[in-house]
Amino acid sequence: MDKDEYEATIGLKGRNTHWMRYGYKSRKGITYATASWGSDEPCTNPWYYKYIDGLLMDCVQDGKLAKTFSNGEKKLIPIIFSHGLTCNRTA
């Protein structure tokens, strides 16, 4: 994505992706993931992680490809993040 396109797009509603995509379900998953080893009970209540709901990744969702790549000026080499950009989702 071009820098000018990023600046114009990042502030639009729904374009700056949230770190936790599924809100309460993601928070509930974190409580089970941080539980004691071998425990079936969560370590805490999901409300404890409520402050994470507002975290944004500063990545434009469904952004346009940079002009230098889309017009063939430069070769695009894809990089795959196996656990997503934040280790809990793929963008």
C-alpha atoms as a PDB file:
ATOM      1  CA  MET A   1       0.000   0.000   0.000  1.00  0.00           C
ATOM      2  CA  ASP A   2       1.269   3.485  -0.814  1.00  0.00           C
ATOM      3  CA  LYS A   3       1.869   5.832   2.119  1.00  0.00           C
ATOM      4  CA  ASP A   4      -0.643   8.387   0.782  1.00  0.00           C
ATOM      5  CA  GLU A   5      -3.290   5.690   0.351  1.00  0.00           C
ATOM      6  CA  TYR A   6      -2.604   4.418   3.884  1.00  0.00           C
ATOM      7  CA  GLU A   7      -2.995   7.905   5.377  1.00  0.00           C
ATOM      8  CA  ALA A   8      -6.270   8.438   3.503  1.00  0.00           C
ATOM      9  CA  THR A   9      -7.695   5.017   4.399  1.00  0.00           C
ATOM     10  CA  ILE A  10      -6.548   4.200   7.958  1.00  0.00           C
ATOM     11  CA  GLY A  11      -8.996   6.649   9.567  1.00  0.00           C
ATOM     12  CA  LEU A  12     -12.093   5.363   7.757  1.00  0.00           C
ATOM     13  CA  LYS A  13     -14.599   3.404   9.831  1.00  0.00           C
ATOM     14  CA  GLY A  14     -13.892  -0.327   9.909  1.00  0.00           C
ATOM     15  CA  ARG A  15     -10.595  -0.150   7.995  1.00  0.00           C
ATOM     16  CA  ASN A  16      -8.115  -0.145  10.931  1.00  0.00           C
ATOM     17  CA  THR A  17      -8.260  -3.738  12.149  1.00  0.00           C
ATOM     18  CA  HIS A  18      -8.844  -4.668  15.781  1.00  0.00           C
ATOM     19  CA  TRP A  19      -6.285  -6.867  17.523  1.00  0.00           C
ATOM     20  CA  MET A  20      -9.070  -9.121  18.846  1.00  0.00           C
ATOM     21  CA  ARG A  21     -11.441  -9.783  15.987  1.00  0.00           C
ATOM     22  CA  TYR A  22     -14.243 -11.501  17.923  1.00  0.00           C
ATOM     23  CA  GLY A  23     -14.488  -9.336  21.051  1.00  0.00           C
ATOM     24  CA  TYR A  24     -15.924 -11.313  23.996  1.00  0.00           C
ATOM     25  CA  LYS A  25     -15.198 -14.700  22.368  1.00  0.00           C
ATOM     26  CA  SER A  26     -11.540 -13.719  21.944  1.00  0.00           C
ATOM     27  CA  ARG A  27     -11.319 -12.519  25.553  1.00  0.00           C
ATOM     28  CA  LYS A  28     -12.880 -15.766  26.771  1.00  0.00           C
ATOM     29  CA  GLY A  29     -10.304 -17.709  24.748  1.00  0.00           C
ATOM     30  CA  ILE A  30      -7.480 -15.748  26.383  1.00  0.00           C
ATOM     31  CA  THR A  31      -8.771 -16.667  29.851  1.00  0.00           C
ATOM     32  CA  TYR A  32      -8.608 -20.366  28.971  1.00  0.00           C
ATOM     33  CA  ALA A  33      -5.242 -19.999  27.233  1.00  0.00           C
ATOM     34  CA  THR A  34      -3.723 -18.400  30.351  1.00  0.00           C
ATOM     35  CA  ALA A  35      -5.169 -20.989  32.761  1.00  0.00           C
ATOM     36  CA  SER A  36      -2.914 -23.212  34.828  1.00  0.00           C
ATOM     37  CA  TRP A  37      -1.426 -26.171  32.974  1.00  0.00           C
ATOM     38  CA  GLY A  38      -3.893 -29.072  32.958  1.00  0.00           C
ATOM     39  CA  SER A  39      -6.775 -26.977  34.297  1.00  0.00           C
ATOM     40  CA  ASP A  40     -10.208 -26.912  32.673  1.00  0.00           C
ATOM     41  CA  GLU A  41     -11.087 -23.660  34.417  1.00  0.00           C
ATOM     42  CA  PRO A  42     -10.142 -20.196  33.092  1.00  0.00           C
ATOM     43  CA  CYS A  43      -7.599 -18.221  35.111  1.00  0.00           C
ATOM     44  CA  THR A  44      -9.845 -15.182  35.425  1.00  0.00           C
ATOM     45  CA  ASN A  45     -13.092 -13.640  34.188  1.00  0.00           C
ATOM     46  CA  PRO A  46     -13.148 -12.352  30.562  1.00  0.00           C
ATOM     47  CA  TRP A  47     -13.967  -8.811  31.783  1.00  0.00           C
ATOM     48  CA  TYR A  48     -10.371  -8.658  33.097  1.00  0.00           C
ATOM     49  CA  TYR A  49      -9.160  -8.366  29.480  1.00  0.00           C
ATOM     50  CA  LYS A  50     -11.849  -5.854  28.422  1.00  0.00           C
ATOM     51  CA  TYR A  51      -9.216  -3.124  27.971  1.00  0.00           C
ATOM     52  CA  ILE A  52      -7.808  -5.078  24.994  1.00  0.00           C
ATOM     53  CA  ASP A  53     -11.044  -4.653  22.991  1.00  0.00           C
ATOM     54  CA  GLY A  54     -10.007  -1.197  21.800  1.00  0.00           C
ATOM     55  CA  LEU A  55      -6.526  -2.110  20.578  1.00  0.00           C
ATOM     56  CA  LEU A  56      -5.986  -1.513  16.878  1.00  0.00           C
ATOM     57  CA  MET A  57      -3.199  -2.945  14.708  1.00  0.00           C
ATOM     58  CA  ASP A  58      -2.662   0.095  12.420  1.00  0.00           C
ATOM     59  CA  CYS A  59      -3.105  -2.180   9.395  1.00  0.00           C
ATOM     60  CA  VAL A  60      -5.621  -1.228   6.700  1.00  0.00           C
ATOM     61  CA  GLN A  61      -8.075  -4.057   6.180  1.00  0.00           C
ATOM     62  CA  ASP A  62      -8.655  -4.857   2.477  1.00  0.00           C
ATOM     63  CA  GLY A  63      -6.107  -2.230   1.400  1.00  0.00           C
ATOM     64  CA  LYS A  64      -5.010  -1.589  -2.184  1.00  0.00           C
ATOM     65  CA  LEU A  65      -1.739  -2.944  -3.512  1.00  0.00           C
ATOM     66  CA  ALA A  66       1.021  -0.321  -3.910  1.00  0.00           C
ATOM     67  CA  LYS A  67       1.243   1.170  -7.404  1.00  0.00           C
ATOM     68  CA  THR A  68       4.822  -0.041  -7.959  1.00  0.00           C
ATOM     69  CA  PHE A  69       3.621  -3.633  -7.559  1.00  0.00           C
ATOM     70  CA  SER A  70       0.249  -3.348  -9.287  1.00  0.00           C
ATOM     71  CA  ASN A  71       1.747  -1.833 -12.459  1.00  0.00           C
ATOM     72  CA  GLY A  72       4.558  -4.428 -12.588  1.00  0.00           C
ATOM     73  CA  GLU A  73       7.398  -1.976 -11.891  1.00  0.00           C
ATOM     74  CA  LYS A  74       8.639  -4.141  -9.007  1.00  0.00           C
ATOM     75  CA  LYS A  75       8.298  -7.869  -8.364  1.00  0.00           C
ATOM     76  CA  LEU A  76       6.081  -8.831  -5.430  1.00  0.00           C
ATOM     77  CA  ILE A  77       7.377 -11.604  -3.164  1.00  0.00           C
ATOM     78  CA  PRO A  78       4.660 -12.801  -0.769  1.00  0.00           C
ATOM     79  CA  ILE A  79       5.433 -13.375   2.912  1.00  0.00           C
ATOM     80  CA  ILE A  80       3.213 -15.708   4.930  1.00  0.00           C
ATOM     81  CA  PHE A  81       2.662 -15.114   8.641  1.00  0.00           C
ATOM     82  CA  SER A  82       1.648 -18.537   9.894  1.00  0.00           C
ATOM     83  CA  HIS A  83      -0.014 -17.200  13.059  1.00  0.00           C
ATOM     84  CA  GLY A  84      -1.157 -13.871  11.678  1.00  0.00           C
ATOM     85  CA  LEU A  85       0.311 -10.478  12.418  1.00  0.00           C
ATOM     86  CA  THR A  86      -0.630 -10.669  16.104  1.00  0.00           C
ATOM     87  CA  CYS A  87      -0.426 -14.405  16.755  1.00  0.00           C
ATOM     88  CA  ASN A  88      -4.207 -14.780  17.005  1.00  0.00           C
ATOM     89  CA  ARG A  89      -5.586 -13.975  13.562  1.00  0.00           C
ATOM     90  CA  THR A  90      -4.597 -13.618   9.942  1.00  0.00           C
ATOM     91  CA  ALA A  91      -5.024 -10.294   8.215  1.00  0.00           C
END
